[in-house]
N, C-alpha and C. Protein backbone atom coordinates (compact mmCIF):
# COMPACT_ATOMS: atom_id res chain seq x y z
N MET A 1 -27.10 -20.14 8.98
CA MET A 1 -28.26 -20.97 8.89
C MET A 1 -27.91 -22.44 9.10
N THR A 2 -26.69 -22.82 8.77
CA THR A 2 -26.27 -24.20 8.92
C THR A 2 -26.19 -24.59 10.39
N ILE A 3 -25.76 -23.70 11.24
CA ILE A 3 -25.65 -23.99 12.67
C ILE A 3 -27.05 -24.20 13.27
N LEU A 4 -27.99 -23.41 12.88
CA LEU A 4 -29.36 -23.54 13.38
C LEU A 4 -29.97 -24.87 12.95
N ALA A 5 -29.78 -25.28 11.73
CA ALA A 5 -30.33 -26.54 11.24
C ALA A 5 -29.71 -27.73 11.94
N SER A 6 -28.40 -27.70 12.20
CA SER A 6 -27.76 -28.83 12.88
C SER A 6 -28.18 -28.91 14.33
N SER A 7 -28.43 -27.78 14.99
CA SER A 7 -28.88 -27.82 16.39
C SER A 7 -30.30 -28.37 16.48
N GLN A 8 -31.14 -28.06 15.51
CA GLN A 8 -32.49 -28.62 15.51
C GLN A 8 -32.47 -30.13 15.26
N THR A 9 -31.56 -30.58 14.45
CA THR A 9 -31.43 -32.00 14.19
C THR A 9 -30.99 -32.74 15.44
N LEU A 10 -30.04 -32.17 16.17
CA LEU A 10 -29.59 -32.79 17.41
C LEU A 10 -30.68 -32.80 18.46
N ALA A 11 -31.48 -31.74 18.52
CA ALA A 11 -32.56 -31.68 19.51
C ALA A 11 -33.61 -32.74 19.21
N SER A 12 -33.94 -32.91 17.96
CA SER A 12 -34.96 -33.92 17.65
C SER A 12 -34.43 -35.33 17.85
N ALA A 13 -33.15 -35.56 17.63
CA ALA A 13 -32.58 -36.88 17.83
C ALA A 13 -32.54 -37.24 19.31
N SER A 14 -32.21 -36.27 20.17
CA SER A 14 -32.15 -36.57 21.60
C SER A 14 -33.55 -36.79 22.18
N SER A 15 -34.55 -36.07 21.69
CA SER A 15 -35.89 -36.28 22.21
C SER A 15 -36.48 -37.60 21.71
N SER A 16 -36.07 -38.05 20.53
CA SER A 16 -36.59 -39.34 20.06
C SER A 16 -36.06 -40.48 20.93
N TRP A 17 -34.83 -40.39 21.39
CA TRP A 17 -34.31 -41.41 22.31
C TRP A 17 -35.04 -41.36 23.64
N LEU A 18 -35.39 -40.16 24.07
CA LEU A 18 -36.12 -40.02 25.33
C LEU A 18 -37.51 -40.67 25.20
N PHE A 19 -38.22 -40.37 24.11
CA PHE A 19 -39.54 -40.96 23.92
C PHE A 19 -39.47 -42.47 23.74
N THR A 20 -38.45 -42.95 23.09
CA THR A 20 -38.28 -44.40 22.93
C THR A 20 -38.04 -45.06 24.29
N GLY A 21 -37.21 -44.44 25.11
CA GLY A 21 -36.94 -44.98 26.45
C GLY A 21 -38.18 -44.99 27.32
N VAL A 22 -38.95 -43.90 27.27
CA VAL A 22 -40.19 -43.83 28.05
C VAL A 22 -41.19 -44.87 27.55
N GLY A 23 -41.27 -45.05 26.24
CA GLY A 23 -42.18 -46.05 25.69
C GLY A 23 -41.82 -47.46 26.10
N VAL A 24 -40.53 -47.77 26.07
CA VAL A 24 -40.08 -49.10 26.50
C VAL A 24 -40.37 -49.30 27.98
N LEU A 25 -40.20 -48.26 28.77
CA LEU A 25 -40.49 -48.35 30.21
C LEU A 25 -41.98 -48.58 30.46
N VAL A 26 -42.83 -47.89 29.73
CA VAL A 26 -44.27 -48.07 29.89
C VAL A 26 -44.69 -49.48 29.51
N VAL A 27 -44.16 -50.00 28.41
CA VAL A 27 -44.48 -51.36 27.99
C VAL A 27 -44.00 -52.37 29.03
N ALA A 28 -42.82 -52.16 29.59
CA ALA A 28 -42.31 -53.07 30.61
C ALA A 28 -43.19 -53.06 31.86
N VAL A 29 -43.64 -51.88 32.27
CA VAL A 29 -44.52 -51.79 33.45
C VAL A 29 -45.85 -52.48 33.17
N LEU A 30 -46.41 -52.30 31.98
CA LEU A 30 -47.66 -52.96 31.65
C LEU A 30 -47.52 -54.48 31.61
N LEU A 31 -46.43 -54.97 31.06
CA LEU A 31 -46.21 -56.42 31.04
C LEU A 31 -46.05 -56.97 32.45
N CYS A 32 -45.33 -56.26 33.30
CA CYS A 32 -45.15 -56.72 34.69
C CYS A 32 -46.47 -56.73 35.45
N THR A 33 -47.31 -55.71 35.26
CA THR A 33 -48.59 -55.71 35.97
C THR A 33 -49.51 -56.81 35.46
N PHE A 34 -49.49 -57.09 34.16
CA PHE A 34 -50.28 -58.21 33.63
C PHE A 34 -49.80 -59.53 34.21
N TRP A 35 -48.49 -59.72 34.27
CA TRP A 35 -47.92 -60.95 34.81
C TRP A 35 -48.29 -61.11 36.28
N TYR A 36 -48.19 -60.02 37.06
CA TYR A 36 -48.52 -60.07 38.48
C TYR A 36 -50.02 -60.35 38.68
N GLY A 37 -50.87 -59.72 37.88
CA GLY A 37 -52.31 -59.95 37.99
C GLY A 37 -52.71 -61.36 37.64
N SER A 38 -52.07 -61.93 36.63
CA SER A 38 -52.41 -63.30 36.27
C SER A 38 -51.93 -64.29 37.33
N ARG A 39 -50.82 -63.99 37.98
CA ARG A 39 -50.38 -64.85 39.09
C ARG A 39 -51.34 -64.77 40.26
N ARG A 40 -51.85 -63.57 40.57
CA ARG A 40 -52.81 -63.42 41.66
C ARG A 40 -54.11 -64.14 41.33
N ALA A 41 -54.56 -64.06 40.08
CA ALA A 41 -55.81 -64.74 39.68
C ALA A 41 -55.65 -66.25 39.74
N ALA A 42 -54.46 -66.75 39.44
CA ALA A 42 -54.24 -68.20 39.47
C ALA A 42 -54.23 -68.72 40.91
N ARG A 43 -53.87 -67.87 41.87
CA ARG A 43 -53.84 -68.31 43.26
C ARG A 43 -55.20 -68.25 43.93
N LYS A 44 -56.18 -67.61 43.31
CA LYS A 44 -57.51 -67.51 43.90
C LYS A 44 -58.16 -68.88 43.97
N PRO A 45 -58.85 -69.19 45.05
CA PRO A 45 -59.53 -70.49 45.12
C PRO A 45 -60.71 -70.53 44.15
N THR A 46 -60.96 -71.70 43.61
CA THR A 46 -62.08 -71.84 42.69
C THR A 46 -63.39 -71.89 43.48
N PRO A 47 -64.45 -71.32 42.95
CA PRO A 47 -65.73 -71.38 43.66
C PRO A 47 -66.27 -72.80 43.67
N PRO A 48 -67.02 -73.16 44.70
CA PRO A 48 -67.57 -74.52 44.76
C PRO A 48 -68.56 -74.74 43.62
N GLN A 49 -68.58 -75.97 43.11
CA GLN A 49 -69.42 -76.29 41.96
C GLN A 49 -70.83 -76.72 42.36
N GLU A 50 -71.03 -77.18 43.60
CA GLU A 50 -72.36 -77.59 44.02
C GLU A 50 -73.17 -76.34 44.38
N PRO A 51 -74.50 -76.41 44.28
CA PRO A 51 -75.33 -75.24 44.60
C PRO A 51 -75.18 -74.84 46.06
N GLN A 52 -75.12 -73.57 46.30
CA GLN A 52 -74.98 -73.04 47.65
C GLN A 52 -76.34 -72.58 48.16
N PRO A 53 -76.54 -72.62 49.49
CA PRO A 53 -77.81 -72.12 50.01
C PRO A 53 -77.93 -70.63 49.73
N ARG A 54 -79.12 -70.22 49.33
CA ARG A 54 -79.43 -68.82 49.04
C ARG A 54 -78.59 -68.25 47.90
N SER A 55 -78.25 -69.09 46.93
CA SER A 55 -77.46 -68.60 45.81
C SER A 55 -78.31 -67.90 44.76
N ASP A 56 -79.63 -68.09 44.83
CA ASP A 56 -80.50 -67.42 43.88
C ASP A 56 -80.77 -66.00 44.36
N SER A 57 -80.59 -65.04 43.48
CA SER A 57 -80.72 -63.64 43.91
C SER A 57 -82.16 -63.24 44.16
N TRP A 58 -83.13 -64.06 43.72
CA TRP A 58 -84.52 -63.68 43.89
C TRP A 58 -85.17 -64.35 45.09
N GLN A 59 -84.40 -65.05 45.91
CA GLN A 59 -84.97 -65.66 47.11
C GLN A 59 -85.26 -64.58 48.14
N THR A 60 -86.30 -64.85 48.94
CA THR A 60 -86.62 -63.93 50.03
C THR A 60 -85.79 -64.29 51.24
N PRO A 61 -85.54 -63.34 52.13
CA PRO A 61 -84.73 -63.63 53.31
C PRO A 61 -85.41 -64.64 54.23
N ASP A 62 -84.61 -65.43 54.91
CA ASP A 62 -85.13 -66.40 55.88
C ASP A 62 -85.29 -65.70 57.22
N ALA A 63 -86.39 -65.01 57.41
CA ALA A 63 -86.64 -64.30 58.67
C ALA A 63 -87.71 -65.06 59.45
N ALA A 64 -87.37 -65.47 60.66
CA ALA A 64 -88.32 -66.22 61.49
C ALA A 64 -89.37 -65.24 62.01
N GLY A 65 -90.63 -65.57 61.79
CA GLY A 65 -91.72 -64.75 62.33
C GLY A 65 -92.00 -63.51 61.51
N ALA A 66 -91.42 -63.39 60.36
CA ALA A 66 -91.70 -62.22 59.53
C ALA A 66 -93.09 -62.35 58.93
N PRO A 67 -93.89 -61.28 58.95
CA PRO A 67 -95.24 -61.37 58.38
C PRO A 67 -95.16 -61.53 56.87
N GLU A 68 -96.14 -62.27 56.36
CA GLU A 68 -96.22 -62.48 54.91
C GLU A 68 -96.74 -61.21 54.26
N ARG A 69 -96.14 -60.84 53.15
CA ARG A 69 -96.60 -59.65 52.44
C ARG A 69 -97.46 -60.08 51.26
N SER A 70 -98.50 -59.34 51.03
CA SER A 70 -99.35 -59.64 49.88
C SER A 70 -99.53 -58.37 49.08
N ASP A 71 -99.73 -58.53 47.79
CA ASP A 71 -99.95 -57.37 46.93
C ASP A 71 -101.36 -56.84 47.16
N PRO A 72 -101.53 -55.53 47.16
CA PRO A 72 -102.90 -54.96 47.40
C PRO A 72 -103.81 -55.12 46.23
């Protein structure tokens, strides 16, 4: 029975190192992707601060010669 108990102890110890290594790797990948994403966001141009033509979503299209619509 002693041999069986020691083999189970070794198995659990080796798997804990594996899970620790995988966890550290996942955290490193997440930190790198956050760092890369924040660098990409910092390089994006800022939107202009003055009002742009047709910036209101409720404006009607500027169609030349389009008939006026009225509610029935």
